[in-house]
């Protein structure tokens, strides 16, 4: 799928299907450390939005690969996805609804906040 055709958002059910199928993609959690400590999606890598510009080099190995960004409800992850696309990470999407939607639809055992 070309970057122009790649939707800005991906739903959590599709992300779960990709995880279960072992499809290669990078799951980026852009919440803050305290949020990550409270609840997380297994396999996600934490890089808080507040540190994105200073730690962007850590994402270089993911350039050209599919990146799915998530946050609490989807607002921060959309901003991070936009920033990443503007900086050449053209296979980036935001997970709609964030970890809250994940807890509702995928894993109700996770706490919500």
C-alpha atoms as a PDB file:
ATOM      1  CA  UNK A   1       0.000   0.000   0.000  1.00  0.00           C
ATOM      2  CA  UNK A   2       1.400   3.381  -0.926  1.00  0.00           C
ATOM      3  CA  UNK A   3       1.735   6.121   1.662  1.00  0.00           C
ATOM      4  CA  UNK A   4      -0.904   8.174  -0.131  1.00  0.00           C
ATOM      5  CA  UNK A   5      -3.350   5.257   0.090  1.00  0.00           C
ATOM      6  CA  UNK A   6      -2.536   4.318   3.689  1.00  0.00           C
ATOM      7  CA  UNK A   7      -5.363   5.539   5.944  1.00  0.00           C
ATOM      8  CA  UNK A   8      -4.364   7.817   8.823  1.00  0.00           C
ATOM      9  CA  UNK A   9      -6.072   5.545  11.339  1.00  0.00           C
ATOM     10  CA  UNK A  10      -6.255   1.823  11.989  1.00  0.00           C
ATOM     11  CA  UNK A  11      -8.802   0.257  14.352  1.00  0.00           C
ATOM     12  CA  UNK A  12      -7.717  -1.755  17.369  1.00  0.00           C
ATOM     13  CA  UNK A  13      -9.298  -4.988  16.092  1.00  0.00           C
ATOM     14  CA  UNK A  14      -7.103  -4.831  12.986  1.00  0.00           C
ATOM     15  CA  UNK A  15      -4.039  -4.156  15.147  1.00  0.00           C
ATOM     16  CA  UNK A  16      -4.911  -7.192  17.286  1.00  0.00           C
ATOM     17  CA  UNK A  17      -5.313  -9.330  14.154  1.00  0.00           C
ATOM     18  CA  UNK A  18      -1.889  -8.198  12.933  1.00  0.00           C
ATOM     19  CA  UNK A  19      -0.321  -9.016  16.308  1.00  0.00           C
ATOM     20  CA  UNK A  20      -1.983 -12.449  16.423  1.00  0.00           C
ATOM     21  CA  UNK A  21      -0.871 -13.194  12.850  1.00  0.00           C
ATOM     22  CA  UNK A  22       2.712 -12.176  13.620  1.00  0.00           C
ATOM     23  CA  UNK A  23       2.672  -9.495  10.932  1.00  0.00           C
ATOM     24  CA  UNK A  24       5.710  -7.239  11.104  1.00  0.00           C
ATOM     25  CA  UNK A  25       4.948  -3.756  12.381  1.00  0.00           C
ATOM     26  CA  UNK A  26       6.213  -1.459  15.124  1.00  0.00           C
ATOM     27  CA  UNK A  27       3.723  -0.636  17.892  1.00  0.00           C
ATOM     28  CA  UNK A  28       4.627   2.726  19.398  1.00  0.00           C
ATOM     29  CA  UNK A  29       3.069   3.939  22.650  1.00  0.00           C
ATOM     30  CA  UNK A  30       3.322   7.739  22.794  1.00  0.00           C
ATOM     31  CA  UNK A  31       1.812   8.157  26.278  1.00  0.00           C
ATOM     32  CA  UNK A  32       3.821   9.219  29.301  1.00  0.00           C
ATOM     33  CA  UNK A  33       5.788   6.802  31.500  1.00  0.00           C
ATOM     34  CA  UNK A  34       3.208   6.878  34.322  1.00  0.00           C
ATOM     35  CA  UNK A  35       0.415   5.929  31.896  1.00  0.00           C
ATOM     36  CA  UNK A  36       2.537   3.126  30.438  1.00  0.00           C
ATOM     37  CA  UNK A  37       3.318   1.863  33.952  1.00  0.00           C
ATOM     38  CA  UNK A  38      -0.416   1.731  34.750  1.00  0.00           C
ATOM     39  CA  UNK A  39      -1.518  -0.164  31.638  1.00  0.00           C
ATOM     40  CA  UNK A  40       0.133  -1.239  28.406  1.00  0.00           C
ATOM     41  CA  UNK A  41      -0.307  -3.370  25.317  1.00  0.00           C
ATOM     42  CA  UNK A  42       2.241  -6.206  25.292  1.00  0.00           C
ATOM     43  CA  UNK A  43       4.878  -5.613  22.633  1.00  0.00           C
ATOM     44  CA  UNK A  44       4.445  -1.844  22.510  1.00  0.00           C
ATOM     45  CA  UNK A  45       7.511   0.386  22.730  1.00  0.00           C
ATOM     46  CA  UNK A  46       7.213   3.534  24.835  1.00  0.00           C
ATOM     47  CA  UNK A  47       8.385   6.811  23.340  1.00  0.00           C
ATOM     48  CA  UNK A  48       6.387   9.649  24.926  1.00  0.00           C
ATOM     49  CA  UNK A  49       5.122  12.361  22.610  1.00  0.00           C
ATOM     50  CA  UNK A  50       6.795  14.888  24.930  1.00  0.00           C
ATOM     51  CA  UNK A  51      10.180  13.337  24.034  1.00  0.00           C
ATOM     52  CA  UNK A  52       9.561  12.615  20.359  1.00  0.00           C
ATOM     53  CA  UNK A  53      11.678  15.364  18.831  1.00  0.00           C
ATOM     54  CA  UNK A  54      14.653  14.697  21.104  1.00  0.00           C
ATOM     55  CA  UNK A  55      14.489  10.901  20.713  1.00  0.00           C
ATOM     56  CA  UNK A  56      13.382  10.626  17.077  1.00  0.00           C
ATOM     57  CA  UNK A  57      16.702   9.039  16.080  1.00  0.00           C
ATOM     58  CA  UNK A  58      15.641   5.939  18.039  1.00  0.00           C
ATOM     59  CA  UNK A  59      12.976   5.374  15.382  1.00  0.00           C
ATOM     60  CA  UNK A  60      15.401   5.336  12.429  1.00  0.00           C
ATOM     61  CA  UNK A  61      15.453   1.501  12.283  1.00  0.00           C
ATOM     62  CA  UNK A  62      11.673   1.682  11.672  1.00  0.00           C
ATOM     63  CA  UNK A  63      11.892   4.043   8.673  1.00  0.00           C
ATOM     64  CA  UNK A  64      10.058   2.466   5.741  1.00  0.00           C
ATOM     65  CA  UNK A  65       8.281  -0.018   8.006  1.00  0.00           C
ATOM     66  CA  UNK A  66       4.684  -0.019   9.195  1.00  0.00           C
ATOM     67  CA  UNK A  67       4.346   1.921  12.467  1.00  0.00           C
ATOM     68  CA  UNK A  68       1.155   1.981  14.527  1.00  0.00           C
ATOM     69  CA  UNK A  69       1.081   4.690  17.192  1.00  0.00           C
ATOM     70  CA  UNK A  70      -1.291   4.587  20.151  1.00  0.00           C
ATOM     71  CA  UNK A  71      -2.044   6.777  23.134  1.00  0.00           C
ATOM     72  CA  UNK A  72      -4.951   7.018  25.585  1.00  0.00           C
ATOM     73  CA  UNK A  73      -7.828   7.943  23.247  1.00  0.00           C
ATOM     74  CA  UNK A  74      -6.192   8.702  19.884  1.00  0.00           C
ATOM     75  CA  UNK A  75      -5.476  12.439  19.928  1.00  0.00           C
ATOM     76  CA  UNK A  76      -1.777  12.358  20.752  1.00  0.00           C
ATOM     77  CA  UNK A  77      -1.160   9.354  18.534  1.00  0.00           C
ATOM     78  CA  UNK A  78      -2.690  11.179  15.570  1.00  0.00           C
ATOM     79  CA  UNK A  79      -0.367  14.146  16.160  1.00  0.00           C
ATOM     80  CA  UNK A  80       2.622  11.801  16.447  1.00  0.00           C
ATOM     81  CA  UNK A  81       1.580   9.952  13.274  1.00  0.00           C
ATOM     82  CA  UNK A  82       1.311  13.265  11.421  1.00  0.00           C
ATOM     83  CA  UNK A  83       4.742  14.373  12.661  1.00  0.00           C
ATOM     84  CA  UNK A  84       6.298  11.033  11.717  1.00  0.00           C
ATOM     85  CA  UNK A  85       4.808  11.113   8.217  1.00  0.00           C
ATOM     86  CA  UNK A  86       6.052  14.684   7.751  1.00  0.00           C
ATOM     87  CA  UNK A  87       9.499  13.420   8.714  1.00  0.00           C
ATOM     88  CA  UNK A  88       9.637  10.554   6.246  1.00  0.00           C
ATOM     89  CA  UNK A  89       8.029   7.708   8.187  1.00  0.00           C
ATOM     90  CA  UNK A  90       5.328   7.367   5.555  1.00  0.00           C
ATOM     91  CA  UNK A  91       3.929   4.010   6.725  1.00  0.00           C
ATOM     92  CA  UNK A  92       2.657   5.400  10.039  1.00  0.00           C
ATOM     93  CA  UNK A  93      -0.898   5.125  11.350  1.00  0.00           C
ATOM     94  CA  UNK A  94      -2.693   6.120  14.544  1.00  0.00           C
ATOM     95  CA  UNK A  95      -4.696   3.487  16.410  1.00  0.00           C
ATOM     96  CA  UNK A  96      -8.227   4.879  16.662  1.00  0.00           C
ATOM     97  CA  UNK A  97      -9.570   5.051  20.206  1.00  0.00           C
ATOM     98  CA  UNK A  98      -6.189   4.352  21.803  1.00  0.00           C
ATOM     99  CA  UNK A  99      -5.587   1.992  24.674  1.00  0.00           C
ATOM    100  CA  UNK A 100      -9.008   2.865  26.097  1.00  0.00           C
ATOM    101  CA  UNK A 101     -10.705   1.349  23.044  1.00  0.00           C
ATOM    102  CA  UNK A 102      -8.276  -1.587  23.214  1.00  0.00           C
ATOM    103  CA  UNK A 103      -9.413  -2.255  26.807  1.00  0.00           C
ATOM    104  CA  UNK A 104     -13.078  -2.029  25.785  1.00  0.00           C
ATOM    105  CA  UNK A 105     -12.898  -4.175  22.622  1.00  0.00           C
ATOM    106  CA  UNK A 106      -9.843  -6.412  22.944  1.00  0.00           C
ATOM    107  CA  UNK A 107      -8.822  -6.930  26.573  1.00  0.00           C
ATOM    108  CA  UNK A 108     -11.455  -5.950  29.161  1.00  0.00           C
ATOM    109  CA  UNK A 109      -9.097  -7.128  31.936  1.00  0.00           C
ATOM    110  CA  UNK A 110      -7.019  -3.983  31.389  1.00  0.00           C
ATOM    111  CA  UNK A 111      -7.761  -1.022  33.628  1.00  0.00           C
ATOM    112  CA  UNK A 112      -9.171   2.127  32.050  1.00  0.00           C
ATOM    113  CA  UNK A 113      -8.463   5.660  33.203  1.00  0.00           C
END
